[in-house]
Amino acid sequence: MTEISGCKLHAFFFAFGEGDAVVLMEAPDQKTMMATLMSTASSGAVSIKTTVLVTAAEAKAAMEEAGRLRGNYRAPGVG
């Protein structure tokens, strides 16, 4: 499935704990990843939980944007 959708499988680990396996995959974009996960989960054979990973550069850009937006935010109920 990963090759058909254009995704890349980086690692597959069996695990103890909440999940039986941890898979590290990369997709060209979030829509492709969602479609891949939906088609896999729709088989009913697996239950999938996802975590989107963010690079340090992406996090830095988001923090800078949050700093820019911060002065415009008002908490609910605050005049």
PDB file of N, CA and C in Angstrom:
ATOM      1  N   MET A   1       0.823  -1.197   0.000  1.00  0.00           N
ATOM      2  CA  MET A   1       0.000   0.000   0.000  1.00  0.00           C
ATOM      3  C   MET A   1       0.864   1.256   0.000  1.00  0.00           C
ATOM      4  N   THR A   2       1.966   1.246   0.746  1.00  0.00           N
ATOM      5  CA  THR A   2       2.770   2.464   0.843  1.00  0.00           C
ATOM      6  C   THR A   2       3.352   2.868  -0.505  1.00  0.00           C
ATOM      7  N   GLU A   3       3.828   1.916  -1.288  1.00  0.00           N
ATOM      8  CA  GLU A   3       4.407   2.249  -2.583  1.00  0.00           C
ATOM      9  C   GLU A   3       3.347   2.741  -3.564  1.00  0.00           C
ATOM     10  N   ILE A   4       2.175   2.132  -3.551  1.00  0.00           N
ATOM     11  CA  ILE A   4       1.096   2.538  -4.459  1.00  0.00           C
ATOM     12  C   ILE A   4       0.686   3.980  -4.188  1.00  0.00           C
ATOM     13  N   SER A   5       0.652   4.376  -2.926  1.00  0.00           N
ATOM     14  CA  SER A   5       0.189   5.719  -2.567  1.00  0.00           C
ATOM     15  C   SER A   5       1.293   6.763  -2.627  1.00  0.00           C
ATOM     16  N   GLY A   6       2.524   6.345  -2.846  1.00  0.00           N
ATOM     17  CA  GLY A   6       3.628   7.293  -2.887  1.00  0.00           C
ATOM     18  C   GLY A   6       4.243   7.557  -1.528  1.00  0.00           C
ATOM     19  N   CYS A   7       3.884   6.758  -0.545  1.00  0.00           N
ATOM     20  CA  CYS A   7       4.442   6.906   0.806  1.00  0.00           C
ATOM     21  C   CYS A   7       5.740   6.107   0.914  1.00  0.00           C
ATOM     22  N   LYS A   8       6.507   6.422   1.939  1.00  0.00           N
ATOM     23  CA  LYS A   8       7.755   5.706   2.184  1.00  0.00           C
ATOM     24  C   LYS A   8       7.729   5.152   3.606  1.00  0.00           C
ATOM     25  N   LEU A   9       7.959   3.863   3.736  1.00  0.00           N
ATOM     26  CA  LEU A   9       8.037   3.213   5.039  1.00  0.00           C
ATOM     27  C   LEU A   9       9.465   3.351   5.551  1.00  0.00           C
ATOM     28  N   HIS A  10       9.647   4.076   6.659  1.00  0.00           N
ATOM     29  CA  HIS A  10      10.973   4.268   7.236  1.00  0.00           C
ATOM     30  C   HIS A  10      11.317   3.187   8.255  1.00  0.00           C
ATOM     31  N   ALA A  11      10.324   2.775   9.051  1.00  0.00           N
ATOM     32  CA  ALA A  11      10.594   1.774  10.086  1.00  0.00           C
ATOM     33  C   ALA A  11       9.297   1.100  10.521  1.00  0.00           C
ATOM     34  N   PHE A  12       9.428  -0.142  10.949  1.00  0.00           N
ATOM     35  CA  PHE A  12       8.310  -0.904  11.516  1.00  0.00           C
ATOM     36  C   PHE A  12       8.850  -1.626  12.737  1.00  0.00           C
ATOM     37  N   PHE A  13       8.266  -1.336  13.898  1.00  0.00           N
ATOM     38  CA  PHE A  13       8.702  -1.951  15.147  1.00  0.00           C
ATOM     39  C   PHE A  13       7.535  -2.661  15.806  1.00  0.00           C
ATOM     40  N   PHE A  14       7.753  -3.853  16.343  1.00  0.00           N
ATOM     41  CA  PHE A  14       6.780  -4.469  17.230  1.00  0.00           C
ATOM     42  C   PHE A  14       6.984  -3.826  18.588  1.00  0.00           C
ATOM     43  N   ALA A  15       5.902  -3.696  19.377  1.00  0.00           N
ATOM     44  CA  ALA A  15       6.000  -2.933  20.614  1.00  0.00           C
ATOM     45  C   ALA A  15       5.218  -3.581  21.745  1.00  0.00           C
ATOM     46  N   PHE A  16       5.611  -3.252  22.965  1.00  0.00           N
ATOM     47  CA  PHE A  16       4.851  -3.586  24.163  1.00  0.00           C
ATOM     48  C   PHE A  16       4.072  -2.341  24.546  1.00  0.00           C
ATOM     49  N   GLY A  17       2.916  -2.496  25.129  1.00  0.00           N
ATOM     50  CA  GLY A  17       2.177  -1.324  25.586  1.00  0.00           C
ATOM     51  C   GLY A  17       0.850  -1.174  24.883  1.00  0.00           C
ATOM     52  N   GLU A  18       0.455   0.067  24.696  1.00  0.00           N
ATOM     53  CA  GLU A  18      -0.862   0.370  24.140  1.00  0.00           C
ATOM     54  C   GLU A  18      -1.040  -0.179  22.729  1.00  0.00           C
ATOM     55  N   GLY A  19      -0.002  -0.122  21.926  1.00  0.00           N
ATOM     56  CA  GLY A  19      -0.075  -0.629  20.560  1.00  0.00           C
ATOM     57  C   GLY A  19       0.843  -1.811  20.364  1.00  0.00           C
ATOM     58  N   ASP A  20       0.534  -2.637  19.380  1.00  0.00           N
ATOM     59  CA  ASP A  20       1.347  -3.814  19.095  1.00  0.00           C
ATOM     60  C   ASP A  20       2.489  -3.500  18.137  1.00  0.00           C
ATOM     61  N   ALA A  21       2.373  -2.365  17.442  1.00  0.00           N
ATOM     62  CA  ALA A  21       3.408  -2.003  16.480  1.00  0.00           C
ATOM     63  C   ALA A  21       3.490  -0.488  16.362  1.00  0.00           C
ATOM     64  N   VAL A  22       4.660  -0.030  15.972  1.00  0.00           N
ATOM     65  CA  VAL A  22       4.876   1.387  15.681  1.00  0.00           C
ATOM     66  C   VAL A  22       5.454   1.453  14.276  1.00  0.00           C
ATOM     67  N   VAL A  23       4.836   2.250  13.432  1.00  0.00           N
ATOM     68  CA  VAL A  23       5.264   2.385  12.048  1.00  0.00           C
ATOM     69  C   VAL A  23       5.628   3.836  11.800  1.00  0.00           C
ATOM     70  N   LEU A  24       6.783   4.066  11.216  1.00  0.00           N
ATOM     71  CA  LEU A  24       7.212   5.410  10.864  1.00  0.00           C
ATOM     72  C   LEU A  24       7.161   5.519   9.344  1.00  0.00           C
ATOM     73  N   MET A  25       6.206   6.348   8.861  1.00  0.00           N
ATOM     74  CA  MET A  25       5.995   6.503   7.422  1.00  0.00           C
ATOM     75  C   MET A  25       6.085   7.972   7.035  1.00  0.00           C
ATOM     76  N   GLU A  26       6.428   8.191   5.779  1.00  0.00           N
ATOM     77  CA  GLU A  26       6.466   9.544   5.232  1.00  0.00           C
ATOM     78  C   GLU A  26       5.583   9.563   3.989  1.00  0.00           C
ATOM     79  N   ALA A  27       4.799  10.630   3.844  1.00  0.00           N
ATOM     80  CA  ALA A  27       3.923  10.782   2.683  1.00  0.00           C
ATOM     81  C   ALA A  27       4.201  12.126   2.027  1.00  0.00           C
ATOM     82  N   PRO A  28       3.851  12.246   0.757  1.00  0.00           N
ATOM     83  CA  PRO A  28       4.058  13.517   0.071  1.00  0.00           C
ATOM     84  C   PRO A  28       3.278  14.673   0.701  1.00  0.00           C
ATOM     85  N   ASP A  29       2.115  14.361   1.287  1.00  0.00           N
ATOM     86  CA  ASP A  29       1.287  15.385   1.935  1.00  0.00           C
ATOM     87  C   ASP A  29       0.299  14.698   2.872  1.00  0.00           C
ATOM     88  N   GLN A  30      -0.414  15.499   3.669  1.00  0.00           N
ATOM     89  CA  GLN A  30      -1.332  14.935   4.665  1.00  0.00           C
ATOM     90  C   GLN A  30      -2.521  14.228   4.023  1.00  0.00           C
ATOM     91  N   LYS A  31      -3.009  14.728   2.885  1.00  0.00           N
ATOM     92  CA  LYS A  31      -4.140  14.082   2.213  1.00  0.00           C
ATOM     93  C   LYS A  31      -3.769  12.661   1.798  1.00  0.00           C
ATOM     94  N   THR A  32      -2.570  12.492   1.248  1.00  0.00           N
ATOM     95  CA  THR A  32      -2.114  11.163   0.842  1.00  0.00           C
ATOM     96  C   THR A  32      -1.988  10.243   2.042  1.00  0.00           C
ATOM     97  N   MET A  33      -1.449  10.763   3.141  1.00  0.00           N
ATOM     98  CA  MET A  33      -1.309   9.944   4.350  1.00  0.00           C
ATOM     99  C   MET A  33      -2.679   9.545   4.885  1.00  0.00           C
ATOM    100  N   MET A  34      -3.599  10.498   4.932  1.00  0.00           N
ATOM    101  CA  MET A  34      -4.946  10.171   5.426  1.00  0.00           C
ATOM    102  C   MET A  34      -5.607   9.109   4.561  1.00  0.00           C
ATOM    103  N   ALA A  35      -5.508   9.240   3.246  1.00  0.00           N
ATOM    104  CA  ALA A  35      -6.122   8.260   2.348  1.00  0.00           C
ATOM    105  C   ALA A  35      -5.506   6.880   2.549  1.00  0.00           C
ATOM    106  N   THR A  36      -4.188   6.833   2.714  1.00  0.00           N
ATOM    107  CA  THR A  36      -3.497   5.565   2.941  1.00  0.00           C
ATOM    108  C   THR A  36      -3.958   4.923   4.248  1.00  0.00           C
ATOM    109  N   LEU A  37      -4.035   5.721   5.307  1.00  0.00           N
ATOM    110  CA  LEU A  37      -4.472   5.194   6.604  1.00  0.00           C
ATOM    111  C   LEU A  37      -5.930   4.761   6.573  1.00  0.00           C
ATOM    112  N   MET A  38      -6.781   5.556   5.922  1.00  0.00           N
ATOM    113  CA  MET A  38      -8.208   5.196   5.831  1.00  0.00           C
ATOM    114  C   MET A  38      -8.411   3.894   5.073  1.00  0.00           C
ATOM    115  N   SER A  39      -7.688   3.729   3.965  1.00  0.00           N
ATOM    116  CA  SER A  39      -7.855   2.496   3.192  1.00  0.00           C
ATOM    117  C   SER A  39      -7.339   1.291   3.964  1.00  0.00           C
ATOM    118  N   THR A  40      -6.275   1.483   4.736  1.00  0.00           N
ATOM    119  CA  THR A  40      -5.741   0.389   5.550  1.00  0.00           C
ATOM    120  C   THR A  40      -6.689   0.048   6.688  1.00  0.00           C
ATOM    121  N   ALA A  41      -7.163   1.057   7.401  1.00  0.00           N
ATOM    122  CA  ALA A  41      -8.060   0.834   8.538  1.00  0.00           C
ATOM    123  C   ALA A  41      -9.410   0.282   8.097  1.00  0.00           C
ATOM    124  N   SER A  42      -9.846   0.621   6.889  1.00  0.00           N
ATOM    125  CA  SER A  42     -11.162   0.163   6.427  1.00  0.00           C
ATOM    126  C   SER A  42     -11.240  -1.344   6.265  1.00  0.00           C
ATOM    127  N   SER A  43     -10.077  -2.011   6.225  1.00  0.00           N
ATOM    128  CA  SER A  43     -10.074  -3.472   6.135  1.00  0.00           C
ATOM    129  C   SER A  43     -10.616  -4.096   7.412  1.00  0.00           C
ATOM    130  N   GLY A  44     -10.553  -3.345   8.526  1.00  0.00           N
ATOM    131  CA  GLY A  44     -11.002  -3.867   9.806  1.00  0.00           C
ATOM    132  C   GLY A  44      -9.958  -4.735  10.493  1.00  0.00           C
ATOM    133  N   ALA A  45      -8.842  -4.977   9.819  1.00  0.00           N
ATOM    134  CA  ALA A  45      -7.811  -5.855  10.378  1.00  0.00           C
ATOM    135  C   ALA A  45      -6.913  -5.145  11.380  1.00  0.00           C
ATOM    136  N   VAL A  46      -6.870  -3.821  11.321  1.00  0.00           N
ATOM    137  CA  VAL A  46      -5.991  -3.066  12.207  1.00  0.00           C
ATOM    138  C   VAL A  46      -6.718  -1.850  12.761  1.00  0.00           C
ATOM    139  N   SER A  47      -6.256  -1.413  13.894  1.00  0.00           N
ATOM    140  CA  SER A  47      -6.711  -0.167  14.490  1.00  0.00           C
ATOM    141  C   SER A  47      -5.538   0.792  14.424  1.00  0.00           C
ATOM    142  N   ILE A  48      -5.777   1.994  13.945  1.00  0.00           N
ATOM    143  CA  ILE A  48      -4.673   2.928  13.706  1.00  0.00           C
ATOM    144  C   ILE A  48      -4.822   4.169  14.565  1.00  0.00           C
ATOM    145  N   LYS A  49      -3.718   4.568  15.153  1.00  0.00           N
ATOM    146  CA  LYS A  49      -3.631   5.821  15.902  1.00  0.00           C
ATOM    147  C   LYS A  49      -2.458   6.580  15.290  1.00  0.00           C
ATOM    148  N   THR A  50      -2.640   7.858  14.991  1.00  0.00           N
ATOM    149  CA  THR A  50      -1.579   8.600  14.316  1.00  0.00           C
ATOM    150  C   THR A  50      -1.037   9.733  15.175  1.00  0.00           C
ATOM    151  N   THR A  51       0.200  10.070  14.921  1.00  0.00           N
ATOM    152  CA  THR A  51       0.849  11.235  15.505  1.00  0.00           C
ATOM    153  C   THR A  51       1.614  11.918  14.382  1.00  0.00           C
ATOM    154  N   VAL A  52       1.290  13.174  14.119  1.00  0.00           N
ATOM    155  CA  VAL A  52       2.001  13.924  13.096  1.00  0.00           C
ATOM    156  C   VAL A  52       3.290  14.453  13.712  1.00  0.00           C
ATOM    157  N   LEU A  53       4.398  14.181  13.069  1.00  0.00           N
ATOM    158  CA  LEU A  53       5.688  14.669  13.540  1.00  0.00           C
ATOM    159  C   LEU A  53       6.009  15.988  12.849  1.00  0.00           C
ATOM    160  N   VAL A  54       6.635  16.895  13.589  1.00  0.00           N
ATOM    161  CA  VAL A  54       6.958  18.226  13.083  1.00  0.00           C
ATOM    162  C   VAL A  54       8.463  18.429  13.201  1.00  0.00           C
ATOM    163  N   THR A  55       9.072  18.921  12.136  1.00  0.00           N
ATOM    164  CA  THR A  55      10.510  19.180  12.188  1.00  0.00           C
ATOM    165  C   THR A  55      10.779  20.406  13.060  1.00  0.00           C
ATOM    166  N   ALA A  56      12.032  20.573  13.465  1.00  0.00           N
ATOM    167  CA  ALA A  56      12.405  21.736  14.256  1.00  0.00           C
ATOM    168  C   ALA A  56      12.145  23.024  13.467  1.00  0.00           C
ATOM    169  N   ALA A  57      12.420  23.000  12.172  1.00  0.00           N
ATOM    170  CA  ALA A  57      12.183  24.184  11.338  1.00  0.00           C
ATOM    171  C   ALA A  57      10.692  24.521  11.258  1.00  0.00           C
ATOM    172  N   GLU A  58       9.846  23.499  11.122  1.00  0.00           N
ATOM    173  CA  GLU A  58       8.398  23.732  11.086  1.00  0.00           C
ATOM    174  C   GLU A  58       7.904  24.275  12.427  1.00  0.00           C
ATOM    175  N   ALA A  59       8.418  23.726  13.526  1.00  0.00           N
ATOM    176  CA  ALA A  59       8.022  24.198  14.855  1.00  0.00           C
ATOM    177  C   ALA A  59       8.451  25.643  15.058  1.00  0.00           C
ATOM    178  N   LYS A  60       9.668  25.979  14.623  1.00  0.00           N
ATOM    179  CA  LYS A  60      10.166  27.352  14.754  1.00  0.00           C
ATOM    180  C   LYS A  60       9.285  28.316  13.965  1.00  0.00           C
ATOM    181  N   ALA A  61       8.927  27.952  12.748  1.00  0.00           N
ATOM    182  CA  ALA A  61       8.062  28.802  11.926  1.00  0.00           C
ATOM    183  C   ALA A  61       6.695  28.987  12.585  1.00  0.00           C
ATOM    184  N   ALA A  62       6.156  27.919  13.176  1.00  0.00           N
ATOM    185  CA  ALA A  62       4.863  28.009  13.864  1.00  0.00           C
ATOM    186  C   ALA A  62       4.966  28.897  15.100  1.00  0.00           C
ATOM    187  N   MET A  63       6.069  28.794  15.846  1.00  0.00           N
ATOM    188  CA  MET A  63       6.262  29.639  17.028  1.00  0.00           C
ATOM    189  C   MET A  63       6.359  31.111  16.639  1.00  0.00           C
ATOM    190  N   GLU A  64       7.059  31.384  15.540  1.00  0.00           N
ATOM    191  CA  GLU A  64       7.162  32.762  15.063  1.00  0.00           C
ATOM    192  C   GLU A  64       5.787  33.302  14.664  1.00  0.00           C
ATOM    193  N   GLU A  65       5.004  32.475  13.992  1.00  0.00           N
ATOM    194  CA  GLU A  65       3.645  32.877  13.599  1.00  0.00           C
ATOM    195  C   GLU A  65       2.768  33.079  14.827  1.00  0.00           C
ATOM    196  N   ALA A  66       2.908  32.212  15.823  1.00  0.00           N
ATOM    197  CA  ALA A  66       2.136  32.360  17.066  1.00  0.00           C
ATOM    198  C   ALA A  66       2.494  33.670  17.757  1.00  0.00           C
ATOM    199  N   GLY A  67       3.774  34.013  17.743  1.00  0.00           N
ATOM    200  CA  GLY A  67       4.202  35.284  18.330  1.00  0.00           C
ATOM    201  C   GLY A  67       3.582  36.462  17.611  1.00  0.00           C
ATOM    202  N   ARG A  68       3.495  36.363  16.287  1.00  0.00           N
ATOM    203  CA  ARG A  68       2.878  37.430  15.502  1.00  0.00           C
ATOM    204  C   ARG A  68       1.382  37.552  15.786  1.00  0.00           C
ATOM    205  N   LEU A  69       0.717  36.424  15.970  1.00  0.00           N
ATOM    206  CA  LEU A  69      -0.735  36.408  16.195  1.00  0.00           C
ATOM    207  C   LEU A  69      -1.127  36.723  17.634  1.00  0.00           C
ATOM    208  N   ARG A  70      -0.204  36.540  18.562  1.00  0.00           N
ATOM    209  CA  ARG A  70      -0.502  36.620  19.992  1.00  0.00           C
ATOM    210  C   ARG A  70      -1.186  37.917  20.384  1.00  0.00           C
ATOM    211  N   GLY A  71      -0.764  39.033  19.853  1.00  0.00           N
ATOM    212  CA  GLY A  71      -1.365  40.313  20.209  1.00  0.00           C
ATOM    213  C   GLY A  71      -2.798  40.462  19.754  1.00  0.00           C
ATOM    214  N   ASN A  72      -3.243  39.599  18.840  1.00  0.00           N
ATOM    215  CA  ASN A  72      -4.614  39.679  18.317  1.00  0.00           C
ATOM    216  C   ASN A  72      -5.590  38.763  19.036  1.00  0.00           C
ATOM    217  N   TYR A  73      -5.095  37.911  19.918  1.00  0.00           N
ATOM    218  CA  TYR A  73      -5.969  36.944  20.583  1.00  0.00           C
ATOM    219  C   TYR A  73      -6.557  37.520  21.848  1.00  0.00           C
ATOM    220  N   ARG A  74      -7.851  37.291  22.026  1.00  0.00           N
ATOM    221  CA  ARG A  74      -8.521  37.646  23.281  1.00  0.00           C
ATOM    222  C   ARG A  74      -9.220  36.403  23.810  1.00  0.00           C
ATOM    223  N   ALA A  75      -8.975  36.100  25.064  1.00  0.00           N
ATOM    224  CA  ALA A  75      -9.625  34.942  25.677  1.00  0.00           C
ATOM    225  C   ALA A  75     -11.130  35.197  25.753  1.00  0.00           C
ATOM    226  N   PRO A  76     -11.935  34.148  25.647  1.00  0.00           N
ATOM    227  CA  PRO A  76     -13.378  34.306  25.756  1.00  0.00           C
ATOM    228  C   PRO A  76     -13.756  35.014  27.059  1.00  0.00           C
ATOM    229  N   GLY A  77     -14.657  35.970  26.973  1.00  0.00           N
ATOM    230  CA  GLY A  77     -15.127  36.693  28.148  1.00  0.00           C
ATOM    231  C   GLY A  77     -14.246  37.856  28.554  1.00  0.00           C
ATOM    232  N   VAL A  78     -13.146  38.051  27.835  1.00  0.00           N
ATOM    233  CA  VAL A  78     -12.260  39.171  28.150  1.00  0.00           C
ATOM    234  C   VAL A  78     -12.551  40.300  27.154  1.00  0.00           C
ATOM    235  N   GLY A  79     -12.820  41.489  27.685  1.00  0.00           N
ATOM    236  CA  GLY A  79     -13.206  42.631  26.853  1.00  0.00           C
ATOM    237  C   GLY A  79     -12.107  43.187  26.118  1.00  0.00           C
TER     238      GLY A  79
END
